[in-house]
Amino acid sequence: MDSKQNHGQESMAVELIQRQAELVFGNKAKADHWLSQPTVEAGDCSRLQMAHSRVGYEAVKAELDRLGHGFAC
């Protein structure tokens, strides 16, 4: 896979995370705030930064799934 294709997939994953966060939190401002907060488990990277890798994307998605179902993280 070339880097242009990889960047396109990465951008799409980040957009999906942003949309899911907006659904979970009810609005863009709250979602953006949550996504931009640094996390200890990610070495002080934000959740949005984490979503740029496949492993990070899966971790953030799982966290949003738990929140969406009413489970605290």
N, C-alpha and C. Protein backbone atom coordinates (compact mmCIF):
# COMPACT_ATOMS: atom_id res chain seq x y z
N MET A 1 0.85 -1.18 0.00
CA MET A 1 0.00 0.00 0.00
C MET A 1 0.89 1.24 0.00
N ASP A 2 0.59 2.19 -0.85
CA ASP A 2 1.42 3.38 -0.89
C ASP A 2 0.98 4.37 0.19
N SER A 3 1.83 5.38 0.43
CA SER A 3 1.57 6.29 1.54
C SER A 3 0.33 7.16 1.30
N LYS A 4 0.01 7.46 0.04
CA LYS A 4 -1.19 8.24 -0.26
C LYS A 4 -2.45 7.46 0.11
N GLN A 5 -2.46 6.18 -0.20
CA GLN A 5 -3.58 5.32 0.12
C GLN A 5 -3.69 5.15 1.63
N ASN A 6 -2.57 4.97 2.30
CA ASN A 6 -2.54 4.83 3.75
C ASN A 6 -3.07 6.09 4.43
N HIS A 7 -2.67 7.25 3.93
CA HIS A 7 -3.15 8.52 4.49
C HIS A 7 -4.66 8.66 4.32
N GLY A 8 -5.19 8.22 3.19
CA GLY A 8 -6.62 8.28 2.95
C GLY A 8 -7.39 7.41 3.93
N GLN A 9 -6.89 6.22 4.20
CA GLN A 9 -7.53 5.33 5.16
C GLN A 9 -7.44 5.90 6.57
N GLU A 10 -6.31 6.49 6.89
CA GLU A 10 -6.10 7.11 8.20
C GLU A 10 -7.09 8.26 8.40
N SER A 11 -7.25 9.09 7.38
CA SER A 11 -8.18 10.22 7.46
C SER A 11 -9.62 9.74 7.64
N MET A 12 -9.96 8.66 6.93
CA MET A 12 -11.32 8.12 7.04
C MET A 12 -11.56 7.56 8.44
N ALA A 13 -10.57 6.89 9.02
CA ALA A 13 -10.70 6.35 10.37
C ALA A 13 -10.90 7.48 11.38
N VAL A 14 -10.15 8.55 11.24
CA VAL A 14 -10.28 9.69 12.15
C VAL A 14 -11.67 10.31 12.02
N GLU A 15 -12.17 10.45 10.79
CA GLU A 15 -13.51 10.99 10.59
C GLU A 15 -14.58 10.11 11.23
N LEU A 16 -14.42 8.80 11.11
CA LEU A 16 -15.38 7.88 11.73
C LEU A 16 -15.38 8.03 13.25
N ILE A 17 -14.20 8.16 13.82
CA ILE A 17 -14.09 8.36 15.28
C ILE A 17 -14.76 9.67 15.68
N GLN A 18 -14.53 10.73 14.90
CA GLN A 18 -15.14 12.02 15.22
C GLN A 18 -16.67 11.93 15.16
N ARG A 19 -17.20 11.26 14.16
CA ARG A 19 -18.66 11.11 14.04
C ARG A 19 -19.22 10.29 15.19
N GLN A 20 -18.54 9.19 15.52
CA GLN A 20 -19.02 8.35 16.61
C GLN A 20 -19.00 9.13 17.93
N ALA A 21 -17.96 9.91 18.16
CA ALA A 21 -17.87 10.72 19.38
C ALA A 21 -19.01 11.74 19.43
N GLU A 22 -19.33 12.35 18.30
CA GLU A 22 -20.44 13.31 18.27
C GLU A 22 -21.76 12.63 18.63
N LEU A 23 -21.96 11.41 18.15
CA LEU A 23 -23.18 10.67 18.49
C LEU A 23 -23.23 10.34 19.98
N VAL A 24 -22.11 9.91 20.53
CA VAL A 24 -22.04 9.52 21.95
C VAL A 24 -22.24 10.73 22.85
N PHE A 25 -21.57 11.85 22.53
CA PHE A 25 -21.61 13.02 23.41
C PHE A 25 -22.72 14.01 23.08
N GLY A 26 -23.38 13.83 21.95
CA GLY A 26 -24.53 14.66 21.64
C GLY A 26 -24.24 15.94 20.88
N ASN A 27 -22.99 16.36 20.81
CA ASN A 27 -22.66 17.53 20.00
C ASN A 27 -21.16 17.57 19.69
N LYS A 28 -20.82 18.35 18.72
CA LYS A 28 -19.45 18.43 18.22
C LYS A 28 -18.48 19.00 19.27
N ALA A 29 -18.90 20.03 19.99
CA ALA A 29 -18.00 20.66 20.97
C ALA A 29 -17.59 19.68 22.07
N LYS A 30 -18.54 18.93 22.61
CA LYS A 30 -18.22 17.96 23.66
C LYS A 30 -17.35 16.84 23.10
N ALA A 31 -17.67 16.40 21.89
CA ALA A 31 -16.88 15.34 21.26
C ALA A 31 -15.46 15.80 21.02
N ASP A 32 -15.29 17.00 20.49
CA ASP A 32 -13.96 17.54 20.23
C ASP A 32 -13.15 17.67 21.51
N HIS A 33 -13.82 18.10 22.57
CA HIS A 33 -13.13 18.25 23.87
C HIS A 33 -12.63 16.88 24.34
N TRP A 34 -13.49 15.87 24.33
CA TRP A 34 -13.11 14.53 24.78
C TRP A 34 -11.99 13.96 23.91
N LEU A 35 -12.09 14.14 22.61
CA LEU A 35 -11.09 13.61 21.69
C LEU A 35 -9.74 14.30 21.85
N SER A 36 -9.74 15.55 22.28
CA SER A 36 -8.49 16.31 22.36
C SER A 36 -7.76 16.15 23.70
N GLN A 37 -8.41 15.53 24.68
CA GLN A 37 -7.79 15.36 25.99
C GLN A 37 -6.68 14.31 25.94
N PRO A 38 -5.51 14.62 26.52
CA PRO A 38 -4.44 13.62 26.57
C PRO A 38 -4.83 12.47 27.48
N THR A 39 -4.35 11.28 27.15
CA THR A 39 -4.63 10.10 27.95
C THR A 39 -3.33 9.49 28.45
N VAL A 40 -3.33 9.06 29.67
CA VAL A 40 -2.14 8.46 30.28
C VAL A 40 -1.77 7.17 29.55
N GLU A 41 -2.77 6.35 29.25
CA GLU A 41 -2.50 5.07 28.61
C GLU A 41 -1.92 5.20 27.22
N ALA A 42 -2.03 6.36 26.61
CA ALA A 42 -1.47 6.58 25.27
C ALA A 42 -0.23 7.46 25.32
N GLY A 43 0.41 7.52 26.47
CA GLY A 43 1.62 8.34 26.57
C GLY A 43 1.35 9.81 26.40
N ASP A 44 0.23 10.26 26.95
CA ASP A 44 -0.20 11.67 26.90
C ASP A 44 -0.59 12.15 25.51
N CYS A 45 -0.85 11.24 24.58
CA CYS A 45 -1.41 11.61 23.28
C CYS A 45 -2.92 11.75 23.45
N SER A 46 -3.53 12.55 22.60
CA SER A 46 -4.98 12.66 22.63
C SER A 46 -5.60 11.44 21.95
N ARG A 47 -6.86 11.23 22.21
CA ARG A 47 -7.57 10.13 21.55
C ARG A 47 -7.60 10.34 20.04
N LEU A 48 -7.68 11.59 19.62
CA LEU A 48 -7.68 11.87 18.18
C LEU A 48 -6.34 11.49 17.57
N GLN A 49 -5.25 11.77 18.27
CA GLN A 49 -3.93 11.36 17.78
C GLN A 49 -3.83 9.84 17.74
N MET A 50 -4.38 9.19 18.75
CA MET A 50 -4.37 7.73 18.79
C MET A 50 -5.08 7.13 17.58
N ALA A 51 -6.15 7.76 17.15
CA ALA A 51 -6.98 7.23 16.07
C ALA A 51 -6.26 7.20 14.73
N HIS A 52 -5.08 7.79 14.66
CA HIS A 52 -4.32 7.78 13.41
C HIS A 52 -3.63 6.45 13.13
N SER A 53 -3.58 5.57 14.14
CA SER A 53 -3.03 4.24 13.91
C SER A 53 -4.16 3.22 14.04
N ARG A 54 -3.99 2.07 13.45
CA ARG A 54 -5.04 1.04 13.50
C ARG A 54 -5.31 0.59 14.94
N VAL A 55 -4.26 0.34 15.70
CA VAL A 55 -4.42 -0.08 17.08
C VAL A 55 -5.08 1.02 17.91
N GLY A 56 -4.64 2.25 17.72
CA GLY A 56 -5.23 3.37 18.45
C GLY A 56 -6.68 3.59 18.07
N TYR A 57 -6.98 3.46 16.79
CA TYR A 57 -8.36 3.60 16.31
C TYR A 57 -9.25 2.59 17.02
N GLU A 58 -8.80 1.33 17.07
CA GLU A 58 -9.59 0.27 17.70
C GLU A 58 -9.80 0.56 19.19
N ALA A 59 -8.78 1.07 19.86
CA ALA A 59 -8.89 1.39 21.29
C ALA A 59 -9.89 2.52 21.54
N VAL A 60 -9.82 3.58 20.74
CA VAL A 60 -10.74 4.71 20.91
C VAL A 60 -12.15 4.29 20.55
N LYS A 61 -12.31 3.52 19.49
CA LYS A 61 -13.63 3.03 19.09
C LYS A 61 -14.24 2.18 20.21
N ALA A 62 -13.44 1.29 20.81
CA ALA A 62 -13.95 0.46 21.89
C ALA A 62 -14.37 1.31 23.09
N GLU A 63 -13.59 2.35 23.38
CA GLU A 63 -13.93 3.25 24.49
C GLU A 63 -15.25 3.97 24.20
N LEU A 64 -15.42 4.44 22.98
CA LEU A 64 -16.67 5.10 22.60
C LEU A 64 -17.85 4.13 22.63
N ASP A 65 -17.62 2.89 22.22
CA ASP A 65 -18.68 1.88 22.28
C ASP A 65 -19.13 1.67 23.72
N ARG A 66 -18.16 1.56 24.65
CA ARG A 66 -18.51 1.38 26.06
C ARG A 66 -19.29 2.59 26.59
N LEU A 67 -18.82 3.78 26.26
CA LEU A 67 -19.53 5.00 26.71
C LEU A 67 -20.93 5.06 26.12
N GLY A 68 -21.05 4.70 24.85
CA GLY A 68 -22.35 4.73 24.19
C GLY A 68 -23.35 3.76 24.79
N HIS A 69 -22.84 2.70 25.42
CA HIS A 69 -23.70 1.73 26.07
C HIS A 69 -23.85 2.00 27.56
N GLY A 70 -23.31 3.12 28.02
CA GLY A 70 -23.51 3.53 29.40
C GLY A 70 -22.46 3.02 30.38
N PHE A 71 -21.35 2.47 29.86
CA PHE A 71 -20.30 2.00 30.75
C PHE A 71 -19.21 3.05 30.87
N ALA A 72 -18.82 3.36 32.09
CA ALA A 72 -17.73 4.32 32.31
C ALA A 72 -16.41 3.66 31.94
N CYS A 73 -15.50 4.46 31.45
CA CYS A 73 -14.19 3.93 31.05
C CYS A 73 -13.21 4.07 32.18
